[in-house]
Amino acid sequence: MPPPLSARLRALGDWRRRSLVRANLLVFGALFLAFRLSDFPNNRPSLLLALPLLIAVAGTLDTLRCMRTTWNWYHGGVILCAYMDLMVVCLILFFLIYPLWL
């Protein structure tokens, strides 16, 4: 019998445990927040974009904690998630720096 939903949500919020779900939620949440704060088609400059950048970096570090020393398919999936996290961090940095060139 699987654990109840409240126990699973509590385990998701426990920072001492490794969790790819939490890491991906942090990164995607930071990306969504960055799109909203930058007003994407208009690209207004905002120092508030540093907050999603820090959240995305925290999610990336949480993803890297999930790496294993031996190669298997899980390790390959974690590497793909780490590359996705780095692309999101670069996109948020682009949102942060690009309006300064306009």
C-alpha atoms as a PDB file:
ATOM      1  CA  MET A   1       0.000   0.000   0.000  1.00  0.00           C
ATOM      2  CA  PRO A   2       1.518   3.371  -1.019  1.00  0.00           C
ATOM      3  CA  PRO A   3       2.021   6.063   1.611  1.00  0.00           C
ATOM      4  CA  PRO A   4      -0.655   8.763   1.908  1.00  0.00           C
ATOM      5  CA  LEU A   5      -0.375  11.976  -0.082  1.00  0.00           C
ATOM      6  CA  SER A   6       0.557  14.079   2.950  1.00  0.00           C
ATOM      7  CA  ALA A   7       3.545  11.835   3.676  1.00  0.00           C
ATOM      8  CA  ARG A   8       4.712  12.076   0.073  1.00  0.00           C
ATOM      9  CA  LEU A   9       4.402  15.879   0.073  1.00  0.00           C
ATOM     10  CA  ARG A  10       6.292  16.058   3.365  1.00  0.00           C
ATOM     11  CA  ALA A  11       9.057  13.896   1.861  1.00  0.00           C
ATOM     12  CA  LEU A  12       9.143  16.182  -1.192  1.00  0.00           C
ATOM     13  CA  GLY A  13       9.818  19.198   1.015  1.00  0.00           C
ATOM     14  CA  ASP A  14      12.548  17.522   3.057  1.00  0.00           C
ATOM     15  CA  TRP A  15      15.809  19.114   1.879  1.00  0.00           C
ATOM     16  CA  ARG A  16      17.933  16.369   3.437  1.00  0.00           C
ATOM     17  CA  ARG A  17      16.550  13.813   0.962  1.00  0.00           C
ATOM     18  CA  ARG A  18      17.496  13.764  -2.700  1.00  0.00           C
ATOM     19  CA  SER A  19      14.596  14.424  -5.047  1.00  0.00           C
ATOM     20  CA  LEU A  20      14.594  14.935  -8.801  1.00  0.00           C
ATOM     21  CA  VAL A  21      10.927  15.913  -8.696  1.00  0.00           C
ATOM     22  CA  ARG A  22      11.640  18.770  -6.283  1.00  0.00           C
ATOM     23  CA  ALA A  23      14.649  19.879  -8.346  1.00  0.00           C
ATOM     24  CA  ASN A  24      12.675  19.931 -11.601  1.00  0.00           C
ATOM     25  CA  LEU A  25       9.761  21.753  -9.958  1.00  0.00           C
ATOM     26  CA  LEU A  26      12.158  24.406  -8.668  1.00  0.00           C
ATOM     27  CA  VAL A  27      13.731  24.907 -12.082  1.00  0.00           C
ATOM     28  CA  PHE A  28      10.450  25.006 -14.022  1.00  0.00           C
ATOM     29  CA  GLY A  29       8.919  27.318 -11.409  1.00  0.00           C
ATOM     30  CA  ALA A  30      11.911  29.633 -11.700  1.00  0.00           C
ATOM     31  CA  LEU A  31      11.588  29.628 -15.500  1.00  0.00           C
ATOM     32  CA  PHE A  32       7.892  30.493 -15.311  1.00  0.00           C
ATOM     33  CA  LEU A  33       8.617  33.248 -12.786  1.00  0.00           C
ATOM     34  CA  ALA A  34      11.384  34.637 -14.997  1.00  0.00           C
ATOM     35  CA  PHE A  35       9.031  34.758 -17.995  1.00  0.00           C
ATOM     36  CA  ARG A  36       6.478  36.638 -15.913  1.00  0.00           C
ATOM     37  CA  LEU A  37       8.971  39.089 -14.393  1.00  0.00           C
ATOM     38  CA  SER A  38      10.782  39.892 -17.641  1.00  0.00           C
ATOM     39  CA  ASP A  39       7.536  40.567 -19.529  1.00  0.00           C
ATOM     40  CA  PHE A  40       9.079  38.428 -22.256  1.00  0.00           C
ATOM     41  CA  PRO A  41       8.079  39.986 -25.576  1.00  0.00           C
ATOM     42  CA  ASN A  42       8.860  43.475 -24.229  1.00  0.00           C
ATOM     43  CA  ASN A  43      11.985  42.449 -22.240  1.00  0.00           C
ATOM     44  CA  ARG A  44      11.996  45.086 -19.545  1.00  0.00           C
ATOM     45  CA  PRO A  45      15.057  45.235 -17.290  1.00  0.00           C
ATOM     46  CA  SER A  46      14.405  44.086 -13.739  1.00  0.00           C
ATOM     47  CA  LEU A  47      16.738  43.145 -10.933  1.00  0.00           C
ATOM     48  CA  LEU A  48      13.952  40.958  -9.563  1.00  0.00           C
ATOM     49  CA  LEU A  49      15.133  38.363 -12.087  1.00  0.00           C
ATOM     50  CA  ALA A  50      17.940  37.553  -9.662  1.00  0.00           C
ATOM     51  CA  LEU A  51      15.383  35.691  -7.514  1.00  0.00           C
ATOM     52  CA  PRO A  52      14.402  33.157 -10.225  1.00  0.00           C
ATOM     53  CA  LEU A  53      18.090  32.826 -11.068  1.00  0.00           C
ATOM     54  CA  LEU A  54      18.899  31.837  -7.486  1.00  0.00           C
ATOM     55  CA  ILE A  55      15.954  29.429  -7.402  1.00  0.00           C
ATOM     56  CA  ALA A  56      17.101  27.812 -10.667  1.00  0.00           C
ATOM     57  CA  VAL A  57      20.651  27.465  -9.356  1.00  0.00           C
ATOM     58  CA  ALA A  58      19.290  25.842  -6.184  1.00  0.00           C
ATOM     59  CA  GLY A  59      17.276  23.424  -8.344  1.00  0.00           C
ATOM     60  CA  THR A  60      20.370  22.653 -10.412  1.00  0.00           C
ATOM     61  CA  LEU A  61      22.377  21.889  -7.291  1.00  0.00           C
ATOM     62  CA  ASP A  62      19.549  19.687  -6.068  1.00  0.00           C
ATOM     63  CA  THR A  63      19.652  17.822  -9.394  1.00  0.00           C
ATOM     64  CA  LEU A  64      23.405  17.347  -9.146  1.00  0.00           C
ATOM     65  CA  ARG A  65      22.977  15.852  -5.667  1.00  0.00           C
ATOM     66  CA  CYS A  66      21.006  13.014  -7.273  1.00  0.00           C
ATOM     67  CA  MET A  67      23.957  11.816  -9.379  1.00  0.00           C
ATOM     68  CA  ARG A  68      25.320   8.346  -8.734  1.00  0.00           C
ATOM     69  CA  THR A  69      28.876   7.106  -9.128  1.00  0.00           C
ATOM     70  CA  THR A  70      28.058   4.126 -11.350  1.00  0.00           C
ATOM     71  CA  TRP A  71      26.575   4.447 -14.810  1.00  0.00           C
ATOM     72  CA  ASN A  72      22.990   3.290 -15.339  1.00  0.00           C
ATOM     73  CA  TRP A  73      19.891   4.688 -17.013  1.00  0.00           C
ATOM     74  CA  TYR A  74      18.965   6.718 -13.921  1.00  0.00           C
ATOM     75  CA  HIS A  75      22.364   8.431 -14.041  1.00  0.00           C
ATOM     76  CA  GLY A  76      21.819   9.230 -17.733  1.00  0.00           C
ATOM     77  CA  GLY A  77      18.440  10.766 -16.916  1.00  0.00           C
ATOM     78  CA  VAL A  78      19.994  12.886 -14.189  1.00  0.00           C
ATOM     79  CA  ILE A  79      22.601  14.125 -16.667  1.00  0.00           C
ATOM     80  CA  LEU A  80      19.813  15.123 -19.092  1.00  0.00           C
ATOM     81  CA  CYS A  81      18.024  16.947 -16.266  1.00  0.00           C
ATOM     82  CA  ALA A  82      21.285  18.724 -15.363  1.00  0.00           C
ATOM     83  CA  TYR A  83      21.681  19.907 -18.973  1.00  0.00           C
ATOM     84  CA  MET A  84      18.084  21.128 -18.968  1.00  0.00           C
ATOM     85  CA  ASP A  85      18.754  22.997 -15.728  1.00  0.00           C
ATOM     86  CA  LEU A  86      21.822  24.667 -17.217  1.00  0.00           C
ATOM     87  CA  MET A  87      19.804  25.768 -20.254  1.00  0.00           C
ATOM     88  CA  VAL A  88      17.195  27.330 -17.961  1.00  0.00           C
ATOM     89  CA  VAL A  89      19.889  29.131 -15.948  1.00  0.00           C
ATOM     90  CA  CYS A  90      21.385  30.495 -19.186  1.00  0.00           C
ATOM     91  CA  LEU A  91      17.949  31.618 -20.392  1.00  0.00           C
ATOM     92  CA  ILE A  92      17.285  33.461 -17.132  1.00  0.00           C
ATOM     93  CA  LEU A  93      20.723  35.083 -17.383  1.00  0.00           C
ATOM     94  CA  PHE A  94      19.795  36.150 -20.917  1.00  0.00           C
ATOM     95  CA  PHE A  95      16.567  37.715 -19.610  1.00  0.00           C
ATOM     96  CA  LEU A  96      18.608  39.495 -16.945  1.00  0.00           C
ATOM     97  CA  ILE A  97      21.400  40.832 -19.183  1.00  0.00           C
ATOM     98  CA  TYR A  98      19.774  41.376 -22.605  1.00  0.00           C
ATOM     99  CA  PRO A  99      17.636  44.452 -21.751  1.00  0.00           C
ATOM    100  CA  LEU A 100      20.802  46.277 -20.692  1.00  0.00           C
ATOM    101  CA  TRP A 101      22.022  46.197 -24.318  1.00  0.00           C
ATOM    102  CA  LEU A 102      18.872  47.812 -25.706  1.00  0.00           C
END
